[in-house]
Amino acid sequence: MNWIYIAILLIISSTIMYTTLRYAKKINLAIEIQNLYIFLIPTGIYFIYNILTKNSFFIDIRYLIIIIISAVFFNYLGNILSLKSIDLSKNSGYSLIITKSIATIFVTIISPILFSSSLNFKSLFAIILIIIFVFFISVTDIKVKEKKSFLYAILSAFFLGFHTIIVVFLQKEGLSPSIIVFYVMLIISITSLIKLYINKIKLEPSKKNIILMMNIGVSSAVFNLLFIIGFKISPNPGYINAASVSAIGLLTITNYFIFKDNLSIKRFICALGIISSLIILFI
């Protein structure tokens, strides 16, 4: 399958997932519970998928150790930081744009060095434009609360970027994308459950929460599997990160109409600028 198709499906699933997470924030659902939904339901979906496709769950112990380290330290903490950034931001799209854009820049530039991925002048030009627009979004964060949101977004970007690099490495070693994502989700789900137990946070399922949980879980499962498949077939893994960023630019605008989030003209123009830069990166 062409990586462009994967990118389009990724944008759709990403928008659905983050819109649902925005609603979870609105009803004050704990970040720890949101994180559990994001990973636990996809774990079950990937387990069934791998059985149906007859993928072997047995992998080299060395790769399992790498997955555990990457899942807990980079992916789990990266997502916690991202959710904290969203929680502190006036518009969740702003913090996600910063996180995804910087992660894209990091992965796009380092991939040719580590994996001989493609990177030309046009792509570099697009990356520079992204940096400029992200800067103009970030300098409007004047209040302390917004500065903390920006800091969390930056840290999240590098944590998730390193996780991407490790996933690409594992695929280069011959591991199936669906097996990689299954173990990542399983490990993070266990970590999330442990944290819920330590913090004594109750799940308290209700009809509304179950529907919300399923929306978050299914969209997360589709999003993450497409993400890893995209890493494998795209010319540069950073391009798939870029597709995710373009979805966040759209999310910034849709949040304004759906949730009445704050949307200044300056940030609106910057969001469109990031999306335009990503189009240059794709063509």
C-alpha atoms as a PDB file:
ATOM      1  CA  MET A   1       0.000   0.000   0.000  1.00  0.00           C
ATOM      2  CA  ASN A   2       1.241   3.496  -0.869  1.00  0.00           C
ATOM      3  CA  TRP A   3       2.400   5.435   2.186  1.00  0.00           C
ATOM      4  CA  ILE A   4       0.249   8.421   1.142  1.00  0.00           C
ATOM      5  CA  TYR A   5      -2.906   6.323   1.694  1.00  0.00           C
ATOM      6  CA  ILE A   6      -1.601   5.311   5.100  1.00  0.00           C
ATOM      7  CA  ALA A   7      -0.965   8.980   5.894  1.00  0.00           C
ATOM      8  CA  ILE A   8      -4.540   9.977   4.942  1.00  0.00           C
ATOM      9  CA  LEU A   9      -6.053   7.228   7.105  1.00  0.00           C
ATOM     10  CA  LEU A  10      -3.681   8.243   9.889  1.00  0.00           C
ATOM     11  CA  ILE A  11      -4.930  11.836   9.736  1.00  0.00           C
ATOM     12  CA  ILE A  12      -8.565  10.691   9.994  1.00  0.00           C
ATOM     13  CA  SER A  13      -7.981   8.331  12.937  1.00  0.00           C
ATOM     14  CA  SER A  14      -5.768  10.898  14.680  1.00  0.00           C
ATOM     15  CA  THR A  15      -8.440  13.594  14.450  1.00  0.00           C
ATOM     16  CA  ILE A  16     -11.089  11.236  15.852  1.00  0.00           C
ATOM     17  CA  MET A  17      -8.844  10.111  18.716  1.00  0.00           C
ATOM     18  CA  TYR A  18      -7.764  13.579  19.843  1.00  0.00           C
ATOM     19  CA  THR A  19     -11.272  15.001  19.504  1.00  0.00           C
ATOM     20  CA  THR A  20     -12.471  12.235  21.828  1.00  0.00           C
ATOM     21  CA  LEU A  21      -9.617  12.957  24.245  1.00  0.00           C
ATOM     22  CA  ARG A  22     -10.626  16.617  24.191  1.00  0.00           C
ATOM     23  CA  TYR A  23     -14.120  15.582  25.283  1.00  0.00           C
ATOM     24  CA  ALA A  24     -12.573  13.414  28.030  1.00  0.00           C
ATOM     25  CA  LYS A  25     -10.802  16.539  29.293  1.00  0.00           C
ATOM     26  CA  LYS A  26     -14.098  18.430  29.238  1.00  0.00           C
ATOM     27  CA  ILE A  27     -15.769  15.907  31.567  1.00  0.00           C
ATOM     28  CA  ASN A  28     -12.666  15.873  33.837  1.00  0.00           C
ATOM     29  CA  LEU A  29     -11.666  12.268  33.173  1.00  0.00           C
ATOM     30  CA  ALA A  30      -8.320  11.639  34.931  1.00  0.00           C
ATOM     31  CA  ILE A  31      -5.238  11.676  32.686  1.00  0.00           C
ATOM     32  CA  GLU A  32      -4.185   8.270  34.058  1.00  0.00           C
ATOM     33  CA  ILE A  33      -7.527   6.769  33.003  1.00  0.00           C
ATOM     34  CA  GLN A  34      -7.309   8.400  29.554  1.00  0.00           C
ATOM     35  CA  ASN A  35      -3.867   6.874  29.124  1.00  0.00           C
ATOM     36  CA  LEU A  36      -5.203   3.446  30.139  1.00  0.00           C
ATOM     37  CA  TYR A  37      -7.979   3.630  27.524  1.00  0.00           C
ATOM     38  CA  ILE A  38      -5.485   4.650  24.841  1.00  0.00           C
ATOM     39  CA  PHE A  39      -3.415   1.493  25.382  1.00  0.00           C
ATOM     40  CA  LEU A  40      -5.489  -1.255  27.041  1.00  0.00           C
ATOM     41  CA  ILE A  41      -8.230  -1.629  24.421  1.00  0.00           C
ATOM     42  CA  PRO A  42      -5.753  -1.619  21.489  1.00  0.00           C
ATOM     43  CA  THR A  43      -3.803  -4.375  23.279  1.00  0.00           C
ATOM     44  CA  GLY A  44      -6.833  -6.669  23.022  1.00  0.00           C
ATOM     45  CA  ILE A  45      -7.486  -5.638  19.411  1.00  0.00           C
ATOM     46  CA  TYR A  46      -3.873  -6.315  18.379  1.00  0.00           C
ATOM     47  CA  PHE A  47      -3.902  -9.664  20.231  1.00  0.00           C
ATOM     48  CA  ILE A  48      -6.909 -10.819  18.188  1.00  0.00           C
ATOM     49  CA  TYR A  49      -5.437  -9.367  14.980  1.00  0.00           C
ATOM     50  CA  ASN A  50      -2.132 -11.215  15.414  1.00  0.00           C
ATOM     51  CA  ILE A  51      -3.925 -14.505  16.112  1.00  0.00           C
ATOM     52  CA  LEU A  52      -6.101 -14.118  13.005  1.00  0.00           C
ATOM     53  CA  THR A  53      -3.073 -13.244  10.848  1.00  0.00           C
ATOM     54  CA  LYS A  54      -1.048 -16.080  12.474  1.00  0.00           C
ATOM     55  CA  ASN A  55       1.819 -13.850  13.589  1.00  0.00           C
ATOM     56  CA  SER A  56       4.134 -15.451  16.129  1.00  0.00           C
ATOM     57  CA  PHE A  57       4.231 -13.796  19.560  1.00  0.00           C
ATOM     58  CA  PHE A  58       7.687 -15.212  20.268  1.00  0.00           C
ATOM     59  CA  ILE A  59      10.527 -12.703  19.774  1.00  0.00           C
ATOM     60  CA  ASP A  60      14.194 -12.555  20.719  1.00  0.00           C
ATOM     61  CA  ILE A  61      14.691 -11.616  24.398  1.00  0.00           C
ATOM     62  CA  ARG A  62      16.992  -8.763  23.324  1.00  0.00           C
ATOM     63  CA  TYR A  63      14.246  -7.168  21.269  1.00  0.00           C
ATOM     64  CA  LEU A  64      11.754  -7.654  24.102  1.00  0.00           C
ATOM     65  CA  ILE A  65      14.055  -5.791  26.501  1.00  0.00           C
ATOM     66  CA  ILE A  66      14.414  -2.951  23.973  1.00  0.00           C
ATOM     67  CA  ILE A  67      10.619  -2.783  23.568  1.00  0.00           C
ATOM     68  CA  ILE A  68      10.097  -2.687  27.363  1.00  0.00           C
ATOM     69  CA  ILE A  69      12.592   0.162  27.803  1.00  0.00           C
ATOM     70  CA  SER A  70      11.191   2.119  24.876  1.00  0.00           C
ATOM     71  CA  ALA A  71       7.547   1.508  25.839  1.00  0.00           C
ATOM     72  CA  VAL A  72       7.904   2.512  29.491  1.00  0.00           C
ATOM     73  CA  PHE A  73      10.520   5.243  29.311  1.00  0.00           C
ATOM     74  CA  PHE A  74       9.865   6.877  25.933  1.00  0.00           C
ATOM     75  CA  ASN A  75       6.288   6.053  24.859  1.00  0.00           C
ATOM     76  CA  TYR A  76       4.490   5.976  28.214  1.00  0.00           C
ATOM     77  CA  LEU A  77       6.234   9.019  29.697  1.00  0.00           C
ATOM     78  CA  GLY A  78       6.005  10.813  26.348  1.00  0.00           C
ATOM     79  CA  ASN A  79       2.230  10.333  26.263  1.00  0.00           C
ATOM     80  CA  ILE A  80       1.843  11.362  29.920  1.00  0.00           C
ATOM     81  CA  LEU A  81       3.765  14.577  29.195  1.00  0.00           C
ATOM     82  CA  SER A  82       1.650  15.167  26.086  1.00  0.00           C
ATOM     83  CA  LEU A  83      -1.602  14.724  28.052  1.00  0.00           C
ATOM     84  CA  LYS A  84      -0.342  17.092  30.765  1.00  0.00           C
ATOM     85  CA  SER A  85       0.516  19.636  28.065  1.00  0.00           C
ATOM     86  CA  ILE A  86      -2.993  19.299  26.612  1.00  0.00           C
ATOM     87  CA  ASP A  87      -4.515  19.717  30.068  1.00  0.00           C
ATOM     88  CA  LEU A  88      -2.613  22.973  30.700  1.00  0.00           C
ATOM     89  CA  SER A  89      -3.150  24.468  27.244  1.00  0.00           C
ATOM     90  CA  LYS A  90      -6.039  26.790  26.351  1.00  0.00           C
ATOM     91  CA  ASN A  91      -6.395  24.892  23.059  1.00  0.00           C
ATOM     92  CA  SER A  92      -5.286  21.250  22.966  1.00  0.00           C
ATOM     93  CA  GLY A  93      -4.320  21.627  19.315  1.00  0.00           C
ATOM     94  CA  TYR A  94      -1.551  24.102  20.174  1.00  0.00           C
ATOM     95  CA  SER A  95       0.350  21.751  22.468  1.00  0.00           C
ATOM     96  CA  LEU A  96      -0.120  18.821  20.076  1.00  0.00           C
ATOM     97  CA  ILE A  97       1.154  20.866  17.124  1.00  0.00           C
ATOM     98  CA  ILE A  98       4.321  21.699  19.074  1.00  0.00           C
ATOM     99  CA  THR A  99       4.851  18.083  20.192  1.00  0.00           C
ATOM    100  CA  LYS A 100       4.215  16.483  16.810  1.00  0.00           C
ATOM    101  CA  SER A 101       6.105  19.123  14.805  1.00  0.00           C
ATOM    102  CA  ILE A 102       9.293  18.875  16.850  1.00  0.00           C
ATOM    103  CA  ALA A 103       9.094  15.068  16.876  1.00  0.00           C
ATOM    104  CA  THR A 104       8.726  15.190  13.076  1.00  0.00           C
ATOM    105  CA  ILE A 105      11.757  17.424  12.673  1.00  0.00           C
ATOM    106  CA  PHE A 106      13.842  15.217  14.976  1.00  0.00           C
ATOM    107  CA  VAL A 107      12.906  11.924  13.284  1.00  0.00           C
ATOM    108  CA  THR A 108      13.144  13.309   9.726  1.00  0.00           C
ATOM    109  CA  ILE A 109      16.656  14.636  10.240  1.00  0.00           C
ATOM    110  CA  ILE A 110      18.091  11.700  12.215  1.00  0.00           C
ATOM    111  CA  SER A 111      16.605   8.915  10.034  1.00  0.00           C
ATOM    112  CA  PRO A 112      18.998   9.456   7.067  1.00  0.00           C
ATOM    113  CA  ILE A 113      21.906   9.185   9.487  1.00  0.00           C
ATOM    114  CA  LEU A 114      20.708   5.981  11.157  1.00  0.00           C
ATOM    115  CA  PHE A 115      18.688   4.254   8.419  1.00  0.00           C
ATOM    116  CA  SER A 116      19.780   5.892   5.125  1.00  0.00           C
ATOM    117  CA  SER A 117      16.276   7.336   4.662  1.00  0.00           C
ATOM    118  CA  SER A 118      15.697   9.980   1.994  1.00  0.00           C
ATOM    119  CA  LEU A 119      16.007  13.690   2.803  1.00  0.00           C
ATOM    120  CA  ASN A 120      16.367  16.420   0.158  1.00  0.00           C
ATOM    121  CA  PHE A 121      16.594  20.223   0.077  1.00  0.00           C
ATOM    122  CA  LYS A 122      12.819  20.618  -0.363  1.00  0.00           C
ATOM    123  CA  SER A 123      12.217  18.570   2.777  1.00  0.00           C
ATOM    124  CA  LEU A 124      14.778  20.616   4.702  1.00  0.00           C
ATOM    125  CA  PHE A 125      13.071  23.823   3.533  1.00  0.00           C
ATOM    126  CA  ALA A 126       9.697  22.528   4.727  1.00  0.00           C
ATOM    127  CA  ILE A 127      11.212  21.581   8.093  1.00  0.00           C
ATOM    128  CA  ILE A 128      12.648  25.092   8.515  1.00  0.00           C
ATOM    129  CA  LEU A 129       9.202  26.560   7.818  1.00  0.00           C
ATOM    130  CA  ILE A 130       7.688  24.259  10.450  1.00  0.00           C
ATOM    131  CA  ILE A 131      10.265  25.451  13.013  1.00  0.00           C
ATOM    132  CA  ILE A 132       9.404  29.087  12.255  1.00  0.00           C
ATOM    133  CA  PHE A 133       5.645  28.591  12.607  1.00  0.00           C
ATOM    134  CA  VAL A 134       6.044  26.511  15.781  1.00  0.00           C
ATOM    135  CA  PHE A 135       8.202  29.320  17.232  1.00  0.00           C
ATOM    136  CA  PHE A 136       5.512  31.924  16.568  1.00  0.00           C
ATOM    137  CA  ILE A 137       2.925  29.693  18.221  1.00  0.00           C
ATOM    138  CA  SER A 138       5.122  29.182  21.278  1.00  0.00           C
ATOM    139  CA  VAL A 139       6.042  32.858  21.870  1.00  0.00           C
ATOM    140  CA  THR A 140       2.383  33.685  22.507  1.00  0.00           C
ATOM    141  CA  ASP A 141       2.453  31.494  25.633  1.00  0.00           C
ATOM    142  CA  ILE A 142       2.865  34.305  28.136  1.00  0.00           C
ATOM    143  CA  LYS A 143       1.214  32.895  31.258  1.00  0.00           C
ATOM    144  CA  VAL A 144       3.098  30.493  33.529  1.00  0.00           C
ATOM    145  CA  LYS A 145       0.488  27.802  32.934  1.00  0.00           C
ATOM    146  CA  GLU A 146       0.995  28.048  29.172  1.00  0.00           C
ATOM    147  CA  LYS A 147       4.778  28.018  29.576  1.00  0.00           C
ATOM    148  CA  LYS A 148       4.495  24.740  31.471  1.00  0.00           C
ATOM    149  CA  SER A 149       2.296  23.384  28.676  1.00  0.00           C
ATOM    150  CA  PHE A 150       4.969  24.317  26.124  1.00  0.00           C
ATOM    151  CA  LEU A 151       7.739  22.696  28.224  1.00  0.00           C
ATOM    152  CA  TYR A 152       5.764  19.451  28.548  1.00  0.00           C
ATOM    153  CA  ALA A 153       5.119  19.489  24.792  1.00  0.00           C
ATOM    154  CA  ILE A 154       8.850  19.870  24.023  1.00  0.00           C
ATOM    155  CA  LEU A 155       9.837  17.022  26.357  1.00  0.00           C
ATOM    156  CA  SER A 156       7.075  14.825  24.968  1.00  0.00           C
ATOM    157  CA  ALA A 157       8.310  15.453  21.416  1.00  0.00           C
ATOM    158  CA  PHE A 158      11.797  14.104  22.109  1.00  0.00           C
ATOM    159  CA  PHE A 159      10.543  11.137  24.153  1.00  0.00           C
ATOM    160  CA  LEU A 160       8.151  10.095  21.374  1.00  0.00           C
ATOM    161  CA  GLY A 161      10.791  10.815  18.740  1.00  0.00           C
ATOM    162  CA  PHE A 162      13.249   8.406  20.363  1.00  0.00           C
ATOM    163  CA  HIS A 163      10.481   5.800  20.572  1.00  0.00           C
ATOM    164  CA  THR A 164       9.886   6.187  16.819  1.00  0.00           C
ATOM    165  CA  ILE A 165      13.568   5.625  16.080  1.00  0.00           C
ATOM    166  CA  ILE A 166      13.571   2.432  18.172  1.00  0.00           C
ATOM    167  CA  VAL A 167      10.411   1.130  16.429  1.00  0.00           C
ATOM    168  CA  VAL A 168      11.984   1.733  13.004  1.00  0.00           C
ATOM    169  CA  PHE A 169      15.121  -0.115  14.160  1.00  0.00           C
ATOM    170  CA  LEU A 170      13.043  -3.112  15.288  1.00  0.00           C
ATOM    171  CA  GLN A 171      11.266  -3.246  11.926  1.00  0.00           C
ATOM    172  CA  LYS A 172      14.619  -3.117  10.158  1.00  0.00           C
ATOM    173  CA  GLU A 173      15.540  -6.158  12.264  1.00  0.00           C
ATOM    174  CA  GLY A 174      12.549  -8.030  10.824  1.00  0.00           C
ATOM    175  CA  LEU A 175       9.870  -7.710  13.528  1.00  0.00           C
ATOM    176  CA  SER A 176       6.245  -7.437  12.363  1.00  0.00           C
ATOM    177  CA  PRO A 177       4.635  -3.994  12.926  1.00  0.00           C
ATOM    178  CA  SER A 178       1.565  -5.562  14.572  1.00  0.00           C
ATOM    179  CA  ILE A 179       3.721  -7.599  16.978  1.00  0.00           C
ATOM    180  CA  ILE A 180       5.782  -4.536  17.921  1.00  0.00           C
ATOM    181  CA  VAL A 181       2.698  -2.436  18.613  1.00  0.00           C
ATOM    182  CA  PHE A 182       1.063  -5.304  20.567  1.00  0.00           C
ATOM    183  CA  TYR A 183       3.970  -5.583  22.998  1.00  0.00           C
ATOM    184  CA  VAL A 184       4.295  -1.797  23.315  1.00  0.00           C
ATOM    185  CA  MET A 185       0.588  -1.469  24.154  1.00  0.00           C
ATOM    186  CA  LEU A 186       0.673  -4.450  26.537  1.00  0.00           C
ATOM    187  CA  ILE A 187       3.643  -3.103  28.495  1.00  0.00           C
ATOM    188  CA  ILE A 188       2.203   0.412  28.730  1.00  0.00           C
ATOM    189  CA  SER A 189      -1.199  -0.965  29.780  1.00  0.00           C
ATOM    190  CA  ILE A 190       0.436  -2.850  32.657  1.00  0.00           C
ATOM    191  CA  THR A 191       2.374   0.299  33.604  1.00  0.00           C
ATOM    192  CA  SER A 192      -0.837   2.358  33.534  1.00  0.00           C
ATOM    193  CA  LEU A 193      -2.699  -0.157  35.712  1.00  0.00           C
ATOM    194  CA  ILE A 194       0.144  -0.135  38.251  1.00  0.00           C
ATOM    195  CA  LYS A 195       0.057   3.673  38.388  1.00  0.00           C
ATOM    196  CA  LEU A 196      -3.725   3.665  38.861  1.00  0.00           C
ATOM    197  CA  TYR A 197      -3.324   1.222  41.754  1.00  0.00           C
ATOM    198  CA  ILE A 198      -0.520   3.241  43.379  1.00  0.00           C
ATOM    199  CA  ASN A 199      -2.472   6.504  43.065  1.00  0.00           C
ATOM    200  CA  LYS A 200      -5.675   4.748  44.201  1.00  0.00           C
ATOM    201  CA  ILE A 201      -7.634   5.991  41.191  1.00  0.00           C
ATOM    202  CA  LYS A 202     -10.882   4.098  40.577  1.00  0.00           C
ATOM    203  CA  LEU A 203     -12.067   3.376  37.038  1.00  0.00           C
ATOM    204  CA  GLU A 204     -15.757   3.773  37.972  1.00  0.00           C
ATOM    205  CA  PRO A 205     -17.164   2.591  34.614  1.00  0.00           C
ATOM    206  CA  SER A 206     -20.494   4.073  33.489  1.00  0.00           C
ATOM    207  CA  LYS A 207     -22.477   3.840  30.268  1.00  0.00           C
ATOM    208  CA  LYS A 208     -21.064   7.191  29.138  1.00  0.00           C
ATOM    209  CA  ASN A 209     -17.507   6.216  30.091  1.00  0.00           C
ATOM    210  CA  ILE A 210     -17.735   2.842  28.333  1.00  0.00           C
ATOM    211  CA  ILE A 211     -18.791   4.516  25.072  1.00  0.00           C
ATOM    212  CA  LEU A 212     -15.999   7.077  25.523  1.00  0.00           C
ATOM    213  CA  MET A 213     -13.534   4.310  26.345  1.00  0.00           C
ATOM    214  CA  MET A 214     -14.399   2.382  23.183  1.00  0.00           C
ATOM    215  CA  ASN A 215     -14.078   5.503  20.998  1.00  0.00           C
ATOM    216  CA  ILE A 216     -10.664   6.302  22.443  1.00  0.00           C
ATOM    217  CA  GLY A 217      -9.469   2.677  22.329  1.00  0.00           C
ATOM    218  CA  VAL A 218     -10.548   1.814  18.773  1.00  0.00           C
ATOM    219  CA  SER A 219      -9.297   5.086  17.265  1.00  0.00           C
ATOM    220  CA  SER A 220      -6.022   4.645  19.165  1.00  0.00           C
ATOM    221  CA  ALA A 221      -5.646   1.078  17.847  1.00  0.00           C
ATOM    222  CA  VAL A 222      -6.133   2.187  14.235  1.00  0.00           C
ATOM    223  CA  PHE A 223      -3.916   5.247  14.687  1.00  0.00           C
ATOM    224  CA  ASN A 224      -0.963   3.423  16.269  1.00  0.00           C
ATOM    225  CA  LEU A 225      -0.985   0.481  13.850  1.00  0.00           C
ATOM    226  CA  LEU A 226      -1.082   2.833  10.852  1.00  0.00           C
ATOM    227  CA  PHE A 227       1.723   4.829  12.437  1.00  0.00           C
ATOM    228  CA  ILE A 228       4.045   1.830  12.655  1.00  0.00           C
ATOM    229  CA  ILE A 229       3.110   0.479   9.205  1.00  0.00           C
ATOM    230  CA  GLY A 230       3.770   3.955   7.822  1.00  0.00           C
ATOM    231  CA  PHE A 231       7.252   3.959   9.365  1.00  0.00           C
ATOM    232  CA  LYS A 232       8.028   0.789   7.431  1.00  0.00           C
ATOM    233  CA  ILE A 233       6.835   1.818   3.955  1.00  0.00           C
ATOM    234  CA  SER A 234       7.451   5.585   3.840  1.00  0.00           C
ATOM    235  CA  PRO A 235      10.649   7.075   2.334  1.00  0.00           C
ATOM    236  CA  ASN A 236      11.412   8.679   5.699  1.00  0.00           C
ATOM    237  CA  PRO A 237       9.695   7.836   9.042  1.00  0.00           C
ATOM    238  CA  GLY A 238       9.500  11.563   9.747  1.00  0.00           C
ATOM    239  CA  TYR A 239       7.000  11.958   6.903  1.00  0.00           C
ATOM    240  CA  ILE A 240       4.492   9.841   8.846  1.00  0.00           C
ATOM    241  CA  ASN A 241       5.060  12.049  11.875  1.00  0.00           C
ATOM    242  CA  ALA A 242       4.381  14.962   9.546  1.00  0.00           C
ATOM    243  CA  ALA A 243       1.004  13.492   8.579  1.00  0.00           C
ATOM    244  CA  SER A 244       0.121  13.358  12.258  1.00  0.00           C
ATOM    245  CA  VAL A 245       1.087  17.020  12.630  1.00  0.00           C
ATOM    246  CA  SER A 246      -1.216  18.044   9.783  1.00  0.00           C
ATOM    247  CA  ALA A 247      -4.082  16.343  11.634  1.00  0.00           C
ATOM    248  CA  ILE A 248      -3.255  18.377  14.726  1.00  0.00           C
ATOM    249  CA  GLY A 249      -3.338  21.583  12.710  1.00  0.00           C
ATOM    250  CA  LEU A 250      -6.859  20.655  11.636  1.00  0.00           C
ATOM    251  CA  LEU A 251      -7.689  19.764  15.243  1.00  0.00           C
ATOM    252  CA  THR A 252      -6.745  23.258  16.388  1.00  0.00           C
ATOM    253  CA  ILE A 253      -9.396  24.674  14.071  1.00  0.00           C
ATOM    254  CA  THR A 254     -12.082  22.030  14.732  1.00  0.00           C
ATOM    255  CA  ASN A 255     -11.672  22.463  18.506  1.00  0.00           C
ATOM    256  CA  TYR A 256     -12.652  26.076  18.069  1.00  0.00           C
ATOM    257  CA  PHE A 257     -15.927  25.152  16.372  1.00  0.00           C
ATOM    258  CA  ILE A 258     -16.778  22.051  18.446  1.00  0.00           C
ATOM    259  CA  PHE A 259     -15.546  23.034  21.915  1.00  0.00           C
ATOM    260  CA  LYS A 260     -15.265  26.835  21.533  1.00  0.00           C
ATOM    261  CA  ASP A 261     -11.554  26.731  22.451  1.00  0.00           C
ATOM    262  CA  ASN A 262      -9.486  29.890  22.281  1.00  0.00           C
ATOM    263  CA  LEU A 263      -8.231  30.572  18.744  1.00  0.00           C
ATOM    264  CA  SER A 264      -6.339  33.799  18.033  1.00  0.00           C
ATOM    265  CA  ILE A 265      -5.781  35.009  14.471  1.00  0.00           C
ATOM    266  CA  LYS A 266      -2.020  34.678  14.914  1.00  0.00           C
ATOM    267  CA  ARG A 267      -2.219  31.058  16.040  1.00  0.00           C
ATOM    268  CA  PHE A 268      -4.772  30.268  13.344  1.00  0.00           C
ATOM    269  CA  ILE A 269      -2.369  31.561  10.682  1.00  0.00           C
ATOM    270  CA  CYS A 270       0.511  29.591  12.255  1.00  0.00           C
ATOM    271  CA  ALA A 271      -1.578  26.404  12.245  1.00  0.00           C
ATOM    272  CA  LEU A 272      -2.333  26.893   8.543  1.00  0.00           C
ATOM    273  CA  GLY A 273       1.351  27.658   7.960  1.00  0.00           C
ATOM    274  CA  ILE A 274       2.382  24.350   9.531  1.00  0.00           C
ATOM    275  CA  ILE A 275      -0.110  22.445   7.395  1.00  0.00           C
ATOM    276  CA  SER A 276       1.116  24.269   4.249  1.00  0.00           C
ATOM    277  CA  SER A 277       4.714  23.415   5.141  1.00  0.00           C
ATOM    278  CA  LEU A 278       3.772  19.767   5.504  1.00  0.00           C
ATOM    279  CA  ILE A 279       2.188  19.801   2.028  1.00  0.00           C
ATOM    280  CA  ILE A 280       5.549  20.961   0.682  1.00  0.00           C
ATOM    281  CA  LEU A 281       7.182  18.116   2.588  1.00  0.00           C
ATOM    282  CA  PHE A 282       4.828  15.563   1.002  1.00  0.00           C
ATOM    283  CA  ILE A 283       5.000  16.619  -2.689  1.00  0.00           C
END
